[in-house]
C-alpha atoms as a PDB file:
ATOM      1  CA  MET A   1       2.955  19.541 -27.971  1.00  0.00           C
ATOM      2  CA  ASP A   2       1.308  21.529 -24.435  1.00  0.00           C
ATOM      3  CA  LEU A   3       0.996  20.771 -20.981  1.00  0.00           C
ATOM      4  CA  ARG A   4      -2.538  19.430 -21.993  1.00  0.00           C
ATOM      5  CA  GLN A   5      -1.926  17.536 -24.470  1.00  0.00           C
ATOM      6  CA  LEU A   6       0.783  15.606 -21.596  1.00  0.00           C
ATOM      7  CA  ARG A   7      -1.643  15.869 -19.022  1.00  0.00           C
ATOM      8  CA  TYR A   8      -3.892  14.044 -21.419  1.00  0.00           C
ATOM      9  CA  PHE A   9      -1.376  11.124 -22.641  1.00  0.00           C
ATOM     10  CA  THR A  10      -0.334  10.697 -18.748  1.00  0.00           C
ATOM     11  CA  GLN A  11      -4.340   9.916 -17.816  1.00  0.00           C
ATOM     12  CA  VAL A  12      -4.933   7.856 -20.659  1.00  0.00           C
ATOM     13  CA  VAL A  13      -1.782   5.570 -19.903  1.00  0.00           C
ATOM     14  CA  GLU A  14      -3.019   5.437 -16.282  1.00  0.00           C
ATOM     15  CA  SER A  15      -6.315   4.706 -16.930  1.00  0.00           C
ATOM     16  CA  GLY A  16      -5.867   2.170 -19.029  1.00  0.00           C
ATOM     17  CA  SER A  17      -8.449   3.469 -21.356  1.00  0.00           C
ATOM     18  CA  PHE A  18      -9.414   6.727 -23.409  1.00  0.00           C
ATOM     19  CA  SER A  19     -13.214   6.291 -21.885  1.00  0.00           C
ATOM     20  CA  LYS A  20     -12.187   6.158 -18.459  1.00  0.00           C
ATOM     21  CA  ALA A  21      -9.512   8.844 -19.000  1.00  0.00           C
ATOM     22  CA  ALA A  22     -12.068  10.907 -20.771  1.00  0.00           C
ATOM     23  CA  ASN A  23     -14.421  10.855 -17.821  1.00  0.00           C
ATOM     24  CA  THR A  24     -11.553  11.500 -15.160  1.00  0.00           C
ATOM     25  CA  LEU A  25     -10.785  14.992 -17.677  1.00  0.00           C
ATOM     26  CA  HIS A  26     -14.176  15.708 -18.174  1.00  0.00           C
ATOM     27  CA  VAL A  27     -13.456  15.520 -21.854  1.00  0.00           C
ATOM     28  CA  ALA A  28     -15.107  14.128 -24.891  1.00  0.00           C
ATOM     29  CA  GLN A  29     -12.974  11.130 -25.938  1.00  0.00           C
ATOM     30  CA  PRO A  30     -12.801  12.079 -29.823  1.00  0.00           C
ATOM     31  CA  ALA A  31     -10.949  14.830 -28.619  1.00  0.00           C
ATOM     32  CA  LEU A  32      -8.714  12.781 -26.182  1.00  0.00           C
ATOM     33  CA  SER A  33      -8.427  10.761 -29.136  1.00  0.00           C
ATOM     34  CA  GLN A  34      -7.281  13.287 -31.214  1.00  0.00           C
ATOM     35  CA  HIS A  35      -4.612  14.619 -29.188  1.00  0.00           C
ATOM     36  CA  VAL A  36      -2.947  11.722 -28.651  1.00  0.00           C
ATOM     37  CA  ARG A  37      -2.459  11.185 -32.499  1.00  0.00           C
ATOM     38  CA  HIS A  38      -1.329  14.481 -32.844  1.00  0.00           C
ATOM     39  CA  MET A  39       1.487  13.818 -30.566  1.00  0.00           C
ATOM     40  CA  GLU A  40       2.053  10.596 -32.396  1.00  0.00           C
ATOM     41  CA  GLU A  41       2.456  12.636 -35.411  1.00  0.00           C
ATOM     42  CA  GLU A  42       4.966  15.281 -34.215  1.00  0.00           C
ATOM     43  CA  LEU A  43       6.771  12.717 -33.337  1.00  0.00           C
ATOM     44  CA  GLY A  44       7.150  10.243 -35.386  1.00  0.00           C
ATOM     45  CA  VAL A  45       6.579   7.007 -33.536  1.00  0.00           C
ATOM     46  CA  ALA A  46       3.475   5.388 -31.632  1.00  0.00           C
ATOM     47  CA  LEU A  47       2.734   6.083 -28.003  1.00  0.00           C
ATOM     48  CA  LEU A  48       0.309   3.702 -27.372  1.00  0.00           C
ATOM     49  CA  TYR A  49      -0.739  -0.311 -27.820  1.00  0.00           C
ATOM     50  CA  ARG A  50      -4.289   0.013 -28.731  1.00  0.00           C
ATOM     51  CA  ASN A  51      -6.372  -3.459 -28.018  1.00  0.00           C
ATOM     52  CA  ALA A  52      -9.850  -4.511 -27.266  1.00  0.00           C
ATOM     53  CA  GLN A  53      -9.026  -4.859 -23.851  1.00  0.00           C
ATOM     54  CA  GLY A  54      -8.066  -0.584 -23.566  1.00  0.00           C
ATOM     55  CA  VAL A  55      -4.510   0.918 -24.067  1.00  0.00           C
ATOM     56  CA  THR A  56      -0.887   0.488 -22.650  1.00  0.00           C
ATOM     57  CA  ALA A  57       2.044   2.571 -23.917  1.00  0.00           C
ATOM     58  CA  THR A  58       4.866   1.629 -26.351  1.00  0.00           C
ATOM     59  CA  GLU A  59       8.250   1.720 -24.936  1.00  0.00           C
ATOM     60  CA  ALA A  60       8.575   4.865 -26.812  1.00  0.00           C
ATOM     61  CA  GLY A  61       5.756   6.090 -24.563  1.00  0.00           C
ATOM     62  CA  GLY A  62       6.714   4.612 -21.441  1.00  0.00           C
ATOM     63  CA  ARG A  63       9.422   7.229 -22.146  1.00  0.00           C
ATOM     64  CA  LEU A  64       7.666  10.137 -22.681  1.00  0.00           C
ATOM     65  CA  LEU A  65       5.226   9.352 -19.503  1.00  0.00           C
ATOM     66  CA  ARG A  66       8.576   9.694 -17.490  1.00  0.00           C
ATOM     67  CA  HIS A  67       9.469  12.597 -18.764  1.00  0.00           C
ATOM     68  CA  ALA A  68       5.883  13.987 -19.172  1.00  0.00           C
ATOM     69  CA  LYS A  69       5.218  13.321 -15.231  1.00  0.00           C
ATOM     70  CA  GLN A  70       8.307  15.047 -14.240  1.00  0.00           C
ATOM     71  CA  ILE A  71       7.140  18.120 -16.492  1.00  0.00           C
ATOM     72  CA  LEU A  72       4.276  18.426 -14.910  1.00  0.00           C
ATOM     73  CA  ALA A  73       5.031  18.073 -11.530  1.00  0.00           C
ATOM     74  CA  GLU A  74       7.690  20.569 -11.883  1.00  0.00           C
ATOM     75  CA  PHE A  75       4.644  22.998 -13.186  1.00  0.00           C
ATOM     76  CA  ALA A  76       2.672  21.927 -10.201  1.00  0.00           C
ATOM     77  CA  GLU A  77       5.574  23.095  -7.987  1.00  0.00           C
ATOM     78  CA  ILE A  78       6.296  26.575  -9.243  1.00  0.00           C
ATOM     79  CA  PRO A  79       4.041  28.310  -7.465  1.00  0.00           C
ATOM     80  CA  ASP A  80       6.030  27.026  -4.424  1.00  0.00           C
ATOM     81  CA  SER A  81       9.320  26.601  -5.310  1.00  0.00           C
ATOM     82  CA  VAL A  82       9.346  30.576  -6.204  1.00  0.00           C
ATOM     83  CA  ARG A  83       8.262  30.945  -2.724  1.00  0.00           C
ATOM     84  CA  GLY A  84      10.471  28.911  -1.201  1.00  0.00           C
ATOM     85  CA  GLU A  85      11.027  28.505   2.408  1.00  0.00           C
ATOM     86  CA  ALA A  86       7.871  31.011   2.682  1.00  0.00           C
ATOM     87  CA  VAL A  87       5.527  28.617   2.004  1.00  0.00           C
ATOM     88  CA  ALA A  88       4.920  24.632   3.244  1.00  0.00           C
ATOM     89  CA  PRO A  89       6.708  22.109   1.202  1.00  0.00           C
ATOM     90  CA  ARG A  90       4.008  19.478   0.177  1.00  0.00           C
ATOM     91  CA  GLY A  91       3.954  16.422  -2.466  1.00  0.00           C
ATOM     92  CA  ASP A  92       5.868  13.365  -3.029  1.00  0.00           C
ATOM     93  CA  VAL A  93       9.248  12.685  -1.767  1.00  0.00           C
ATOM     94  CA  ARG A  94      11.204   9.655  -3.404  1.00  0.00           C
ATOM     95  CA  PHE A  95      14.561   9.139  -1.536  1.00  0.00           C
ATOM     96  CA  GLY A  96      17.244   5.808  -2.797  1.00  0.00           C
ATOM     97  CA  MET A  97      18.976   4.878   0.103  1.00  0.00           C
ATOM     98  CA  PRO A  98      21.332   1.220   0.464  1.00  0.00           C
ATOM     99  CA  GLY A  99      19.707  -0.636   3.406  1.00  0.00           C
ATOM    100  CA  THR A 100      23.002  -0.069   5.485  1.00  0.00           C
ATOM    101  CA  VAL A 101      21.730   3.434   5.312  1.00  0.00           C
ATOM    102  CA  SER A 102      18.142   2.588   5.291  1.00  0.00           C
ATOM    103  CA  GLU A 103      18.716   0.939   8.567  1.00  0.00           C
ATOM    104  CA  LEU A 104      19.621   4.149  10.402  1.00  0.00           C
ATOM    105  CA  LEU A 105      18.266   7.048   8.670  1.00  0.00           C
ATOM    106  CA  ALA A 106      14.940   5.970   7.589  1.00  0.00           C
ATOM    107  CA  ALA A 107      12.508   5.609  10.306  1.00  0.00           C
ATOM    108  CA  PRO A 108      14.003   9.233  12.091  1.00  0.00           C
ATOM    109  CA  LEU A 109      13.353  10.891   8.635  1.00  0.00           C
ATOM    110  CA  ILE A 110      10.290   9.745   8.120  1.00  0.00           C
ATOM    111  CA  GLU A 111       9.539  10.467  11.179  1.00  0.00           C
ATOM    112  CA  ALA A 112      10.887  13.989  11.528  1.00  0.00           C
ATOM    113  CA  VAL A 113       9.462  14.562   8.013  1.00  0.00           C
ATOM    114  CA  ARG A 114       5.976  13.787   8.959  1.00  0.00           C
ATOM    115  CA  GLU A 115       6.076  16.243  12.461  1.00  0.00           C
ATOM    116  CA  ARG A 116       7.214  18.805  10.487  1.00  0.00           C
ATOM    117  CA  TYR A 117       6.053  18.392   7.111  1.00  0.00           C
ATOM    118  CA  PRO A 118       2.362  17.106   7.231  1.00  0.00           C
ATOM    119  CA  GLN A 119       2.217  17.852   3.412  1.00  0.00           C
ATOM    120  CA  VAL A 120       4.745  15.428   2.101  1.00  0.00           C
ATOM    121  CA  ARG A 121       4.966  11.710   2.130  1.00  0.00           C
ATOM    122  CA  ILE A 122       8.046  10.230   1.555  1.00  0.00           C
ATOM    123  CA  ARG A 123       8.829   7.041  -0.228  1.00  0.00           C
ATOM    124  CA  VAL A 124      11.909   5.133   1.007  1.00  0.00           C
ATOM    125  CA  VAL A 125      13.429   2.622  -1.838  1.00  0.00           C
ATOM    126  CA  GLU A 126      16.588   0.537  -1.058  1.00  0.00           C
ATOM    127  CA  ALA A 127      19.307  -0.775  -3.070  1.00  0.00           C
ATOM    128  CA  MET A 128      22.689  -1.133  -4.029  1.00  0.00           C
ATOM    129  CA  SER A 129      24.399   2.261  -4.416  1.00  0.00           C
ATOM    130  CA  GLY A 130      24.792   1.692  -7.521  1.00  0.00           C
ATOM    131  CA  TYR A 131      21.667   0.549  -8.789  1.00  0.00           C
ATOM    132  CA  ILE A 132      20.200   4.003  -7.007  1.00  0.00           C
ATOM    133  CA  LEU A 133      22.823   5.730  -8.800  1.00  0.00           C
ATOM    134  CA  GLY A 134      21.020   4.976 -12.727  1.00  0.00           C
ATOM    135  CA  TRP A 135      17.874   5.399 -10.495  1.00  0.00           C
ATOM    136  CA  LEU A 136      18.750   9.225  -9.915  1.00  0.00           C
ATOM    137  CA  ARG A 137      20.670   9.688 -12.946  1.00  0.00           C
ATOM    138  CA  ARG A 138      17.059   8.852 -14.698  1.00  0.00           C
ATOM    139  CA  GLY A 139      14.960  10.899 -12.438  1.00  0.00           C
ATOM    140  CA  ASP A 140      13.386   7.471 -10.788  1.00  0.00           C
ATOM    141  CA  VAL A 141      14.468   9.318  -7.304  1.00  0.00           C
ATOM    142  CA  ASP A 142      14.971  13.181  -6.269  1.00  0.00           C
ATOM    143  CA  LEU A 143      17.402  12.122  -3.500  1.00  0.00           C
ATOM    144  CA  ALA A 144      20.038   9.603  -2.529  1.00  0.00           C
ATOM    145  CA  MET A 145      22.230   7.757  -0.249  1.00  0.00           C
ATOM    146  CA  LEU A 146      25.373   7.305  -1.996  1.00  0.00           C
ATOM    147  CA  TYR A 147      28.611   5.368  -1.122  1.00  0.00           C
ATOM    148  CA  SER A 148      30.388   6.056  -4.109  1.00  0.00           C
ATOM    149  CA  THR A 149      30.903   8.928  -6.902  1.00  0.00           C
ATOM    150  CA  SER A 150      33.397   8.094  -9.253  1.00  0.00           C
ATOM    151  CA  ASP A 151      31.124   9.851 -11.513  1.00  0.00           C
ATOM    152  CA  PRO A 152      29.939  13.091 -10.389  1.00  0.00           C
ATOM    153  CA  SER A 153      28.516  14.588 -13.603  1.00  0.00           C
ATOM    154  CA  GLY A 154      25.066  15.677 -13.496  1.00  0.00           C
ATOM    155  CA  LEU A 155      25.364  15.655  -9.348  1.00  0.00           C
ATOM    156  CA  ALA A 156      25.674  17.343  -6.584  1.00  0.00           C
ATOM    157  CA  VAL A 157      27.547  15.643  -3.850  1.00  0.00           C
ATOM    158  CA  HIS A 158      27.608  16.244  -0.596  1.00  0.00           C
ATOM    159  CA  HIS A 159      29.896  14.347   1.944  1.00  0.00           C
ATOM    160  CA  GLY A 160      28.325  13.418   4.739  1.00  0.00           C
ATOM    161  CA  LEU A 161      30.356  11.383   6.391  1.00  0.00           C
ATOM    162  CA  SER A 162      32.925   8.647   6.418  1.00  0.00           C
ATOM    163  CA  GLU A 163      33.342   4.712   7.982  1.00  0.00           C
ATOM    164  CA  GLU A 164      35.895   2.846   8.691  1.00  0.00           C
ATOM    165  CA  ILE A 165      35.295  -0.790   7.585  1.00  0.00           C
ATOM    166  CA  PHE A 166      37.076  -3.749   9.710  1.00  0.00           C
ATOM    167  CA  LEU A 167      37.599  -7.543   9.483  1.00  0.00           C
ATOM    168  CA  PHE A 168      35.401  -9.304  12.203  1.00  0.00           C
ATOM    169  CA  ALA A 169      34.823 -12.795  12.871  1.00  0.00           C
ATOM    170  CA  ALA A 170      32.997 -14.785  15.811  1.00  0.00           C
ATOM    171  CA  ALA A 171      34.031 -14.349  19.046  1.00  0.00           C
ATOM    172  CA  ASN A 172      35.121 -18.170  19.935  1.00  0.00           C
ATOM    173  CA  THR A 173      37.085 -18.082  16.937  1.00  0.00           C
ATOM    174  CA  SER A 174      40.815 -18.919  18.057  1.00  0.00           C
ATOM    175  CA  ASP A 175      42.810 -18.181  14.673  1.00  0.00           C
ATOM    176  CA  GLY A 176      42.089 -14.701  13.934  1.00  0.00           C
ATOM    177  CA  PRO A 177      45.154 -11.950  13.820  1.00  0.00           C
ATOM    178  CA  ALA A 178      46.770 -11.599  16.910  1.00  0.00           C
ATOM    179  CA  GLY A 179      45.819  -7.880  18.630  1.00  0.00           C
ATOM    180  CA  ASP A 180      43.502  -6.135  17.486  1.00  0.00           C
ATOM    181  CA  ALA A 181      44.463  -5.078  14.081  1.00  0.00           C
ATOM    182  CA  ALA A 182      45.019  -6.879  11.030  1.00  0.00           C
ATOM    183  CA  SER A 183      46.390  -5.995   7.292  1.00  0.00           C
ATOM    184  CA  VAL A 184      45.091  -6.513   4.551  1.00  0.00           C
ATOM    185  CA  VAL A 185      47.139  -9.379   3.246  1.00  0.00           C
ATOM    186  CA  GLN A 186      46.024 -11.335   7.134  1.00  0.00           C
ATOM    187  CA  ALA A 187      42.697 -10.815   5.835  1.00  0.00           C
ATOM    188  CA  ALA A 188      42.773 -12.003   2.638  1.00  0.00           C
ATOM    189  CA  SER A 189      44.431 -15.102   3.320  1.00  0.00           C
ATOM    190  CA  MET A 190      41.272 -16.064   5.871  1.00  0.00           C
ATOM    191  CA  PRO A 191      38.015 -17.307   4.485  1.00  0.00           C
ATOM    192  CA  LEU A 192      36.764 -14.040   4.017  1.00  0.00           C
ATOM    193  CA  VAL A 193      32.564 -13.416   3.798  1.00  0.00           C
ATOM    194  CA  ILE A 194      32.070 -10.892   1.888  1.00  0.00           C
ATOM    195  CA  PRO A 195      29.600  -9.319  -0.884  1.00  0.00           C
ATOM    196  CA  GLY A 196      30.247 -10.134  -4.911  1.00  0.00           C
ATOM    197  CA  PRO A 197      31.518  -8.425  -7.915  1.00  0.00           C
ATOM    198  CA  GLY A 198      29.304  -4.939  -7.990  1.00  0.00           C
ATOM    199  CA  HIS A 199      28.824  -4.207  -4.698  1.00  0.00           C
ATOM    200  CA  GLY A 200      30.373  -0.611  -3.495  1.00  0.00           C
ATOM    201  CA  LEU A 201      31.814  -2.509  -0.085  1.00  0.00           C
ATOM    202  CA  ARG A 202      33.666  -5.283  -2.485  1.00  0.00           C
ATOM    203  CA  GLU A 203      35.247  -2.839  -4.823  1.00  0.00           C
ATOM    204  CA  LEU A 204      36.373  -1.287  -1.799  1.00  0.00           C
ATOM    205  CA  VAL A 205      38.349  -4.475  -0.409  1.00  0.00           C
ATOM    206  CA  GLU A 206      39.345  -5.352  -3.876  1.00  0.00           C
ATOM    207  CA  GLU A 207      41.152  -1.958  -3.983  1.00  0.00           C
ATOM    208  CA  ALA A 208      42.396  -2.581  -0.870  1.00  0.00           C
ATOM    209  CA  ALA A 209      43.968  -6.135  -2.476  1.00  0.00           C
ATOM    210  CA  LEU A 210      45.326  -4.187  -5.171  1.00  0.00           C
ATOM    211  CA  THR A 211      46.699  -1.832  -3.305  1.00  0.00           C
ATOM    212  CA  ALA A 212      48.252  -4.460  -1.216  1.00  0.00           C
ATOM    213  CA  GLY A 213      49.465  -6.958  -4.216  1.00  0.00           C
ATOM    214  CA  VAL A 214      47.584  -9.693  -2.936  1.00  0.00           C
ATOM    215  CA  PRO A 215      44.792 -11.327  -4.492  1.00  0.00           C
ATOM    216  CA  LEU A 216      40.976 -11.874  -3.156  1.00  0.00           C
ATOM    217  CA  THR A 217      39.426 -15.082  -3.462  1.00  0.00           C
ATOM    218  CA  PRO A 218      36.638 -15.861  -1.172  1.00  0.00           C
ATOM    219  CA  ALA A 219      35.244 -18.338   0.268  1.00  0.00           C
ATOM    220  CA  ILE A 220      31.633 -16.572   0.582  1.00  0.00           C
ATOM    221  CA  GLU A 221      29.840 -14.233  -1.613  1.00  0.00           C
ATOM    222  CA  ILE A 222      26.841 -12.581  -0.021  1.00  0.00           C
ATOM    223  CA  ASP A 223      25.136  -9.105  -0.900  1.00  0.00           C
ATOM    224  CA  SER A 224      23.254  -8.961   2.552  1.00  0.00           C
ATOM    225  CA  TYR A 225      25.060  -7.700   5.702  1.00  0.00           C
ATOM    226  CA  SER A 226      22.560  -9.325   7.504  1.00  0.00           C
ATOM    227  CA  GLN A 227      23.522 -12.568   5.685  1.00  0.00           C
ATOM    228  CA  ILE A 228      27.077 -11.836   5.937  1.00  0.00           C
ATOM    229  CA  LYS A 229      26.583 -12.044  10.194  1.00  0.00           C
ATOM    230  CA  LYS A 230      24.543 -14.817   9.999  1.00  0.00           C
ATOM    231  CA  VAL A 231      27.199 -17.110   8.494  1.00  0.00           C
ATOM    232  CA  VAL A 232      29.785 -15.149  10.301  1.00  0.00           C
ATOM    233  CA  MET A 233      28.383 -16.278  13.631  1.00  0.00           C
ATOM    234  CA  ARG A 234      28.014 -20.144  12.613  1.00  0.00           C
ATOM    235  CA  GLY A 235      32.372 -20.263  12.864  1.00  0.00           C
ATOM    236  CA  LEU A 236      32.156 -20.666   8.843  1.00  0.00           C
ATOM    237  CA  GLY A 237      34.332 -17.508   7.945  1.00  0.00           C
ATOM    238  CA  PHE A 238      35.603 -13.677   8.593  1.00  0.00           C
ATOM    239  CA  GLY A 239      33.337 -10.557   7.352  1.00  0.00           C
ATOM    240  CA  ILE A 240      34.751  -7.284   6.133  1.00  0.00           C
ATOM    241  CA  LEU A 241      31.812  -4.804   6.934  1.00  0.00           C
ATOM    242  CA  PRO A 242      31.561  -1.364   8.407  1.00  0.00           C
ATOM    243  CA  LEU A 243      31.915  -1.072  12.377  1.00  0.00           C
ATOM    244  CA  MET A 244      27.867   0.507  12.436  1.00  0.00           C
ATOM    245  CA  ALA A 245      27.140  -3.162  10.802  1.00  0.00           C
ATOM    246  CA  ILE A 246      28.761  -5.006  13.615  1.00  0.00           C
ATOM    247  CA  ASN A 247      29.670  -2.579  16.656  1.00  0.00           C
ATOM    248  CA  ARG A 248      26.444  -4.106  18.827  1.00  0.00           C
ATOM    249  CA  GLU A 249      27.094  -7.771  18.234  1.00  0.00           C
ATOM    250  CA  VAL A 250      30.878  -6.847  19.417  1.00  0.00           C
ATOM    251  CA  GLU A 251      29.510  -4.364  22.452  1.00  0.00           C
ATOM    252  CA  GLU A 252      27.154  -7.914  23.527  1.00  0.00           C
ATOM    253  CA  GLY A 253      30.457 -10.012  22.866  1.00  0.00           C
ATOM    254  CA  VAL A 254      29.138 -11.982  19.556  1.00  0.00           C
ATOM    255  CA  PHE A 255      31.689 -10.991  16.984  1.00  0.00           C
ATOM    256  CA  ARG A 256      35.178  -9.991  17.705  1.00  0.00           C
ATOM    257  CA  LYS A 257      36.563  -7.149  15.400  1.00  0.00           C
ATOM    258  CA  TRP A 258      40.101  -6.274  14.174  1.00  0.00           C
ATOM    259  CA  ARG A 259      40.522  -2.646  12.522  1.00  0.00           C
ATOM    260  CA  LEU A 260      42.504  -3.432   8.657  1.00  0.00           C
ATOM    261  CA  GLN A 261      45.435  -1.420   7.622  1.00  0.00           C
ATOM    262  CA  GLU A 262      48.287  -1.090   4.839  1.00  0.00           C
ATOM    263  CA  PRO A 263      45.640  -0.300   3.320  1.00  0.00           C
ATOM    264  CA  SER A 264      42.944   0.989   6.178  1.00  0.00           C
ATOM    265  CA  ILE A 265      39.603   0.883   4.104  1.00  0.00           C
ATOM    266  CA  THR A 266      37.337   3.676   4.533  1.00  0.00           C
ATOM    267  CA  ARG A 267      33.737   4.827   3.133  1.00  0.00           C
ATOM    268  CA  LYS A 268      32.231   7.585   2.401  1.00  0.00           C
ATOM    269  CA  VAL A 269      28.561   8.241   2.288  1.00  0.00           C
ATOM    270  CA  TYR A 270      27.040  11.342   0.298  1.00  0.00           C
ATOM    271  CA  LEU A 271      23.980  12.860   0.055  1.00  0.00           C
ATOM    272  CA  ALA A 272      23.292  13.650  -3.730  1.00  0.00           C
ATOM    273  CA  TYR A 273      20.783  14.925  -6.408  1.00  0.00           C
ATOM    274  CA  SER A 274      20.729  15.914  -9.749  1.00  0.00           C
ATOM    275  CA  THR A 275      21.240  19.072 -11.170  1.00  0.00           C
ATOM    276  CA  GLU A 276      19.659  18.555 -15.086  1.00  0.00           C
ATOM    277  CA  ARG A 277      16.583  18.772 -13.504  1.00  0.00           C
ATOM    278  CA  PRO A 278      14.947  21.421 -11.318  1.00  0.00           C
ATOM    279  CA  LEU A 279      14.830  20.139  -7.615  1.00  0.00           C
ATOM    280  CA  LEU A 280      11.319  20.694  -6.208  1.00  0.00           C
ATOM    281  CA  ASN A 281      10.301  21.996  -2.825  1.00  0.00           C
ATOM    282  CA  ALA A 282       9.232  19.058  -1.304  1.00  0.00           C
ATOM    283  CA  PRO A 283      12.464  17.102  -1.932  1.00  0.00           C
ATOM    284  CA  ARG A 284      14.737  20.374  -0.992  1.00  0.00           C
ATOM    285  CA  ALA A 285      13.012  20.223   2.304  1.00  0.00           C
ATOM    286  CA  VAL A 286      13.316  16.530   2.836  1.00  0.00           C
ATOM    287  CA  GLY A 287      17.344  16.543   1.426  1.00  0.00           C
ATOM    288  CA  GLN A 288      17.936  19.125   4.567  1.00  0.00           C
ATOM    289  CA  LEU A 289      16.665  17.530   7.048  1.00  0.00           C
ATOM    290  CA  ALA A 290      17.901  14.337   6.186  1.00  0.00           C
ATOM    291  CA  TRP A 291      21.165  15.656   6.050  1.00  0.00           C
ATOM    292  CA  GLU A 292      20.760  16.733   9.699  1.00  0.00           C
ATOM    293  CA  ILE A 293      19.377  13.940  10.669  1.00  0.00           C
ATOM    294  CA  LEU A 294      22.833  11.917   9.232  1.00  0.00           C
ATOM    295  CA  ARG A 295      25.134  14.352  11.552  1.00  0.00           C
ATOM    296  CA  GLN A 296      23.167  13.961  14.251  1.00  0.00           C
ATOM    297  CA  LEU A 297      23.221  10.447  13.954  1.00  0.00           C
ATOM    298  CA  VAL A 298      26.883  10.017  14.429  1.00  0.00           C
ATOM    299  CA  LYS A 299      26.845  12.500  17.022  1.00  0.00           C
ATOM    300  CA  ASP A 300      24.731  10.578  19.547  1.00  0.00           C
ATOM    301  CA  ARG A 301      26.894   7.851  18.166  1.00  0.00           C
ATOM    302  CA  ALA A 302      24.090   5.797  16.446  1.00  0.00           C
ATOM    303  CA  TRP A 303      26.500   5.381  13.677  1.00  0.00           C
ATOM    304  CA  ILE A 304      30.273   4.935  14.272  1.00  0.00           C
ATOM    305  CA  ALA A 305      31.208   7.408  11.590  1.00  0.00           C
ATOM    306  CA  GLU A 306      33.473  10.838  11.158  1.00  0.00           C
ATOM    307  CA  LEU A 307      31.457  14.012  10.191  1.00  0.00           C
ATOM    308  CA  SER A 308      32.620  15.403   7.030  1.00  0.00           C
ATOM    309  CA  ASP A 309      33.337  19.156   7.828  1.00  0.00           C
ATOM    310  CA  GLU A 310      31.023  21.619   7.950  1.00  0.00           C
ATOM    311  CA  SER A 311      32.027  23.176   3.728  1.00  0.00           C
ATOM    312  CA  GLN A 312      30.262  20.094   2.539  1.00  0.00           C
ATOM    313  CA  ARG A 313      26.595  21.053   4.181  1.00  0.00           C
ATOM    314  CA  PRO A 314      24.097  21.956   1.210  1.00  0.00           C
ATOM    315  CA  ASP A 315      21.628  24.899   1.574  1.00  0.00           C
ATOM    316  CA  LEU A 316      19.232  23.687  -0.575  1.00  0.00           C
ATOM    317  CA  PHE A 317      17.287  26.975  -0.329  1.00  0.00           C
ATOM    318  CA  ARG A 318      19.383  29.519  -1.709  1.00  0.00           C
END
């Protein structure tokens, strides 16, 4: 198997037919079919479903397609990668972010990339941190912002910031804790509106409840931060969210907040990328830029958090 065969196979799958792929590649259709048959014989599996409507990849073909795209992209990137910062980055960059990170980081990052690296096209994809971690390991995204790195094997992770998690309620709530702080034991006894099992924030709250020795029985489970805030705003319960998610409403007098203690709850944000695949020039540039913007958001108080120390700073062009 060689690069030419991988390129031919990729084009056949993306075109959906041998004839269209042959026209695109300027290769005779019989020769194209023969190359794919040789690949199937070499691998010992069928790579394509063939029918009157054209061709589609089998399950094995889909796996090969993912590898082929990555290999071809890396091969095309070799000249720029070798030259490093001496050449302007170009190409596509897929960046996975949790929704709460994307809300603050995506727009300024896209704007900065467009201004500084006009030949780079960035695609931001949102999901919960656990899903993004899976995408990163499979190579579906080049870079990620993650909340959890309990299993960092095969990844480079750089701790960017830590944010404190608060209890909050509608401003007219009369049965909240006295003062400006609440223990986890107190919070667990209230009608909580928090994300469901499997959500990164839920895991942090469950860990704190376990440490405090109290059961966690939420009144309402919603994974969307915006919906949690709407439910809490209606007086239907107490929410637990990072300060950056509720700070504007607190300042406007819509919510009351309490610092959680015994134990306190903090969440870390990491920039991550795979160490098992070469990081191409464009993702390197975007990753470094994302780190700088993340830090600036905290310095500008757009993100209420504590920055990690400078030892965590990535140097993606060394």
